[in-house]
Structure formats: C-alpha cells, structure tokens
C-alpha cells in the first residue's frame, strides 16, 4: 500500500509569508515538498472561492499565511483573511471536508524557521487526517466527487 502524501496549498502574502518561505530556503530550513505555495499580494485578497477551488481540485489541506496582526502592508488584509478562514472552517465542517483542513497563520518576513515549522506541522496534521473526503474514490484527476 502506498504511503499517503497530502497535497497542501499555501496562499502566502507577498510581503511577509512568501518572503519567510524564501528565507526558509535561504537558511536551508527544510519543509515538505508537497506544500505548494501560491503568492498573493495580500492574504486579504484570498477569496473563499480560491480556497474552495483548491479543495475541489484535490488539496488535502489549505492554509493562508499573512503578516503579523497590526503589521499588514494593506492595513487590515490579514484580519479580513482571518475572518474569512474562520467562516470557511464552519462551512467545511458542514459539507463534510472538515474545519481542521484549513488554517490561518501569521508571520513576519524574517520568520523563515516559523514558516518551515508551520509547513511541516500542518503537513503532518493533514497526513494523520488522511485524504480529502471530497476526492475519495477519484482518480486524482480533475474529477472530484463533490455532492
């Protein structure tokens, strides 16, 4: 039997989280290669549709990473993102995917070690949960069993 390797999508703000990911690489902090980073201008620009589409396309876990509270380059984008993530967690529970598959994290640009730790810990958490129930029985192509 194959070992389950979760697909993790990380929406990272350009100014802090993406730079922290870059710093993690520069400092040679390792994190799982199955974390797919999507750079966004601000975590507040991540729409609920982006997150739900990631799950529909087969992501086993998704997280949004933004600036530290009070340090958002767009003033309140990270707070907006945190509210949206909290709302979606409830929705994910209602539709059977599970709130624990979605998370919001904050970090500054200099927190490369934190980025690597979050990526590793979140991947382990999702690995324990198993595959995304929305893709159960699919052949991991574009066809996802939702409904």
C-alpha atoms as a PDB file:
ATOM      1  CA  UNK A   1       0.000   0.000   0.000  1.00  0.00           C
ATOM      2  CA  UNK A   2       1.246   3.482  -0.894  1.00  0.00           C
ATOM      3  CA  UNK A   3       2.023   5.945   1.866  1.00  0.00           C
ATOM      4  CA  UNK A   4      -0.364   8.891   1.804  1.00  0.00           C
ATOM      5  CA  UNK A   5       1.372  12.138   0.916  1.00  0.00           C
ATOM      6  CA  UNK A   6      -1.033  15.049   1.355  1.00  0.00           C
ATOM      7  CA  UNK A   7      -1.272  17.901  -1.118  1.00  0.00           C
ATOM      8  CA  UNK A   8      -1.031  21.193   0.761  1.00  0.00           C
ATOM      9  CA  UNK A   9      -1.814  24.565  -0.802  1.00  0.00           C
ATOM     10  CA  UNK A  10      -0.378  27.608   0.982  1.00  0.00           C
ATOM     11  CA  UNK A  11      -1.662  31.048  -0.006  1.00  0.00           C
ATOM     12  CA  UNK A  12       1.172  33.355   1.101  1.00  0.00           C
ATOM     13  CA  UNK A  13       1.151  37.146   1.155  1.00  0.00           C
ATOM     14  CA  UNK A  14       3.923  38.702  -0.886  1.00  0.00           C
ATOM     15  CA  UNK A  15       5.401  40.914   1.822  1.00  0.00           C
ATOM     16  CA  UNK A  16       5.662  38.577   4.801  1.00  0.00           C
ATOM     17  CA  UNK A  17       4.763  34.908   4.396  1.00  0.00           C
ATOM     18  CA  UNK A  18       6.213  34.482   0.899  1.00  0.00           C
ATOM     19  CA  UNK A  19       9.380  36.249   1.997  1.00  0.00           C
ATOM     20  CA  UNK A  20       9.512  34.000   5.082  1.00  0.00           C
ATOM     21  CA  UNK A  21       9.262  30.972   2.765  1.00  0.00           C
ATOM     22  CA  UNK A  22      12.131  32.404   0.713  1.00  0.00           C
ATOM     23  CA  UNK A  23      14.136  32.935   3.887  1.00  0.00           C
ATOM     24  CA  UNK A  24      13.449  29.337   4.937  1.00  0.00           C
ATOM     25  CA  UNK A  25      15.057  28.232   1.685  1.00  0.00           C
ATOM     26  CA  UNK A  26      17.971  30.635   2.058  1.00  0.00           C
ATOM     27  CA  UNK A  27      18.604  29.447   5.614  1.00  0.00           C
ATOM     28  CA  UNK A  28      18.251  25.821   4.449  1.00  0.00           C
ATOM     29  CA  UNK A  29      15.320  25.029   6.718  1.00  0.00           C
ATOM     30  CA  UNK A  30      13.595  22.093   5.127  1.00  0.00           C
ATOM     31  CA  UNK A  31       9.858  21.627   4.802  1.00  0.00           C
ATOM     32  CA  UNK A  32       7.824  19.052   2.860  1.00  0.00           C
ATOM     33  CA  UNK A  33       7.966  19.330  -0.929  1.00  0.00           C
ATOM     34  CA  UNK A  34       4.225  18.714  -1.161  1.00  0.00           C
ATOM     35  CA  UNK A  35       3.482  22.261   0.097  1.00  0.00           C
ATOM     36  CA  UNK A  36       2.527  24.274  -2.983  1.00  0.00           C
ATOM     37  CA  UNK A  37       2.945  27.998  -2.398  1.00  0.00           C
ATOM     38  CA  UNK A  38       0.729  30.488  -4.177  1.00  0.00           C
ATOM     39  CA  UNK A  39       1.966  34.050  -3.795  1.00  0.00           C
ATOM     40  CA  UNK A  40      -0.769  36.646  -3.398  1.00  0.00           C
ATOM     41  CA  UNK A  41      -0.403  40.426  -2.963  1.00  0.00           C
ATOM     42  CA  UNK A  42      -2.089  40.252   0.450  1.00  0.00           C
ATOM     43  CA  UNK A  43      -3.733  37.473   2.456  1.00  0.00           C
ATOM     44  CA  UNK A  44      -6.863  39.629   2.388  1.00  0.00           C
ATOM     45  CA  UNK A  45      -7.023  39.092  -1.373  1.00  0.00           C
ATOM     46  CA  UNK A  46      -7.540  35.346  -0.975  1.00  0.00           C
ATOM     47  CA  UNK A  47     -11.198  34.770  -1.734  1.00  0.00           C
ATOM     48  CA  UNK A  48     -13.346  31.976  -0.344  1.00  0.00           C
ATOM     49  CA  UNK A  49     -13.677  30.725  -3.903  1.00  0.00           C
ATOM     50  CA  UNK A  50      -9.898  30.254  -4.177  1.00  0.00           C
ATOM     51  CA  UNK A  51      -9.848  28.072  -1.072  1.00  0.00           C
ATOM     52  CA  UNK A  52     -12.895  26.022  -2.041  1.00  0.00           C
ATOM     53  CA  UNK A  53     -11.486  25.540  -5.554  1.00  0.00           C
ATOM     54  CA  UNK A  54      -8.223  24.237  -4.041  1.00  0.00           C
ATOM     55  CA  UNK A  55     -10.189  21.601  -2.122  1.00  0.00           C
ATOM     56  CA  UNK A  56     -12.287  20.786  -5.190  1.00  0.00           C
ATOM     57  CA  UNK A  57      -9.140  20.314  -7.279  1.00  0.00           C
ATOM     58  CA  UNK A  58      -7.771  17.823  -4.737  1.00  0.00           C
ATOM     59  CA  UNK A  59      -5.906  19.682  -1.997  1.00  0.00           C
ATOM     60  CA  UNK A  60      -5.916  17.736   1.252  1.00  0.00           C
ATOM     61  CA  UNK A  61      -5.168  20.838   3.307  1.00  0.00           C
ATOM     62  CA  UNK A  62      -5.044  24.587   2.710  1.00  0.00           C
ATOM     63  CA  UNK A  63      -3.588  27.396   4.737  1.00  0.00           C
ATOM     64  CA  UNK A  64      -3.469  31.144   4.365  1.00  0.00           C
ATOM     65  CA  UNK A  65      -0.331  32.843   5.657  1.00  0.00           C
ATOM     66  CA  UNK A  66      -0.236  36.585   6.158  1.00  0.00           C
ATOM     67  CA  UNK A  67       1.501  39.376   8.013  1.00  0.00           C
ATOM     68  CA  UNK A  68       1.537  39.606  11.790  1.00  0.00           C
ATOM     69  CA  UNK A  69      -1.528  41.295  13.256  1.00  0.00           C
ATOM     70  CA  UNK A  70      -1.034  45.053  13.136  1.00  0.00           C
ATOM     71  CA  UNK A  71       1.716  44.803  10.507  1.00  0.00           C
ATOM     72  CA  UNK A  72      -0.295  44.188   7.330  1.00  0.00           C
ATOM     73  CA  UNK A  73       1.046  46.209   4.419  1.00  0.00           C
ATOM     74  CA  UNK A  74      -2.564  46.751   3.355  1.00  0.00           C
ATOM     75  CA  UNK A  75      -3.676  47.730   6.894  1.00  0.00           C
ATOM     76  CA  UNK A  76      -6.315  45.068   7.669  1.00  0.00           C
ATOM     77  CA  UNK A  77      -5.924  42.432   4.945  1.00  0.00           C
ATOM     78  CA  UNK A  78      -4.719  39.791   7.403  1.00  0.00           C
ATOM     79  CA  UNK A  79      -7.680  40.443   9.709  1.00  0.00           C
ATOM     80  CA  UNK A  80     -10.062  40.150   6.756  1.00  0.00           C
ATOM     81  CA  UNK A  81      -8.391  36.864   5.789  1.00  0.00           C
ATOM     82  CA  UNK A  82      -8.669  35.505   9.348  1.00  0.00           C
ATOM     83  CA  UNK A  83     -12.412  36.245   9.403  1.00  0.00           C
ATOM     84  CA  UNK A  84     -12.901  34.569   6.027  1.00  0.00           C
ATOM     85  CA  UNK A  85     -10.934  31.489   7.128  1.00  0.00           C
ATOM     86  CA  UNK A  86     -12.998  31.244  10.331  1.00  0.00           C
ATOM     87  CA  UNK A  87     -16.210  31.389   8.292  1.00  0.00           C
ATOM     88  CA  UNK A  88     -14.978  28.756   5.829  1.00  0.00           C
ATOM     89  CA  UNK A  89     -13.950  26.393   8.625  1.00  0.00           C
ATOM     90  CA  UNK A  90     -17.605  26.212   9.664  1.00  0.00           C
ATOM     91  CA  UNK A  91     -18.659  25.644   6.069  1.00  0.00           C
ATOM     92  CA  UNK A  92     -16.076  22.887   5.595  1.00  0.00           C
ATOM     93  CA  UNK A  93     -17.457  21.093   8.649  1.00  0.00           C
ATOM     94  CA  UNK A  94     -20.997  21.390   7.271  1.00  0.00           C
ATOM     95  CA  UNK A  95     -20.094  19.856   3.909  1.00  0.00           C
ATOM     96  CA  UNK A  96     -18.023  17.043   5.400  1.00  0.00           C
ATOM     97  CA  UNK A  97     -14.495  18.080   4.443  1.00  0.00           C
ATOM     98  CA  UNK A  98     -13.592  19.200   7.963  1.00  0.00           C
ATOM     99  CA  UNK A  99     -12.516  22.506   9.504  1.00  0.00           C
ATOM    100  CA  UNK A 100      -9.160  21.093  10.585  1.00  0.00           C
ATOM    101  CA  UNK A 101      -8.044  21.012   6.932  1.00  0.00           C
ATOM    102  CA  UNK A 102      -7.971  24.823   6.761  1.00  0.00           C
ATOM    103  CA  UNK A 103      -5.888  27.214   8.852  1.00  0.00           C
ATOM    104  CA  UNK A 104      -4.670  30.813   9.031  1.00  0.00           C
ATOM    105  CA  UNK A 105      -1.133  31.640  10.147  1.00  0.00           C
ATOM    106  CA  UNK A 106       0.704  34.925  10.610  1.00  0.00           C
ATOM    107  CA  UNK A 107       4.411  35.644  10.399  1.00  0.00           C
ATOM    108  CA  UNK A 108       6.890  38.348   9.519  1.00  0.00           C
ATOM    109  CA  UNK A 109       9.307  38.272   6.616  1.00  0.00           C
ATOM    110  CA  UNK A 110      12.179  37.267   8.912  1.00  0.00           C
ATOM    111  CA  UNK A 111      10.449  34.155  10.265  1.00  0.00           C
ATOM    112  CA  UNK A 112      11.831  31.542   7.892  1.00  0.00           C
ATOM    113  CA  UNK A 113      12.142  28.966  10.640  1.00  0.00           C
ATOM    114  CA  UNK A 114       8.486  29.543  11.625  1.00  0.00           C
ATOM    115  CA  UNK A 115       7.377  29.095   8.015  1.00  0.00           C
ATOM    116  CA  UNK A 116       9.221  25.777   7.746  1.00  0.00           C
ATOM    117  CA  UNK A 117       7.832  24.572  11.095  1.00  0.00           C
ATOM    118  CA  UNK A 118       4.259  25.528  10.144  1.00  0.00           C
ATOM    119  CA  UNK A 119       4.566  23.800   6.766  1.00  0.00           C
ATOM    120  CA  UNK A 120       5.929  20.654   8.403  1.00  0.00           C
ATOM    121  CA  UNK A 121       3.448  20.570  11.291  1.00  0.00           C
ATOM    122  CA  UNK A 122       0.453  21.284   9.057  1.00  0.00           C
ATOM    123  CA  UNK A 123       1.507  18.554   6.622  1.00  0.00           C
ATOM    124  CA  UNK A 124       1.782  16.059   9.489  1.00  0.00           C
ATOM    125  CA  UNK A 125      -1.628  17.099  10.780  1.00  0.00           C
ATOM    126  CA  UNK A 126      -3.207  16.535   7.372  1.00  0.00           C
ATOM    127  CA  UNK A 127      -1.332  13.249   6.911  1.00  0.00           C
ATOM    128  CA  UNK A 128      -2.992  11.962  10.111  1.00  0.00           C
ATOM    129  CA  UNK A 129      -6.422  13.054   8.835  1.00  0.00           C
ATOM    130  CA  UNK A 130      -5.985  11.171   5.563  1.00  0.00           C
ATOM    131  CA  UNK A 131      -7.092  12.208   2.075  1.00  0.00           C
ATOM    132  CA  UNK A 132      -9.593  14.964   1.427  1.00  0.00           C
ATOM    133  CA  UNK A 133     -13.037  13.294   1.563  1.00  0.00           C
ATOM    134  CA  UNK A 134     -14.119  15.316  -1.484  1.00  0.00           C
ATOM    135  CA  UNK A 135     -11.643  13.419  -3.630  1.00  0.00           C
ATOM    136  CA  UNK A 136     -12.230   9.969  -2.123  1.00  0.00           C
ATOM    137  CA  UNK A 137     -12.731   7.467  -4.887  1.00  0.00           C
ATOM    138  CA  UNK A 138     -11.474   9.829  -7.570  1.00  0.00           C
ATOM    139  CA  UNK A 139      -8.526   9.002  -9.766  1.00  0.00           C
ATOM    140  CA  UNK A 140      -6.785  12.234  -8.675  1.00  0.00           C
ATOM    141  CA  UNK A 141      -7.543  13.936 -11.944  1.00  0.00           C
ATOM    142  CA  UNK A 142      -9.718  16.975 -12.407  1.00  0.00           C
ATOM    143  CA  UNK A 143     -12.793  14.945 -11.452  1.00  0.00           C
ATOM    144  CA  UNK A 144     -13.619  15.424  -7.799  1.00  0.00           C
ATOM    145  CA  UNK A 145     -16.539  13.702  -6.089  1.00  0.00           C
ATOM    146  CA  UNK A 146     -18.436  16.582  -4.532  1.00  0.00           C
ATOM    147  CA  UNK A 147     -22.018  16.302  -3.518  1.00  0.00           C
END
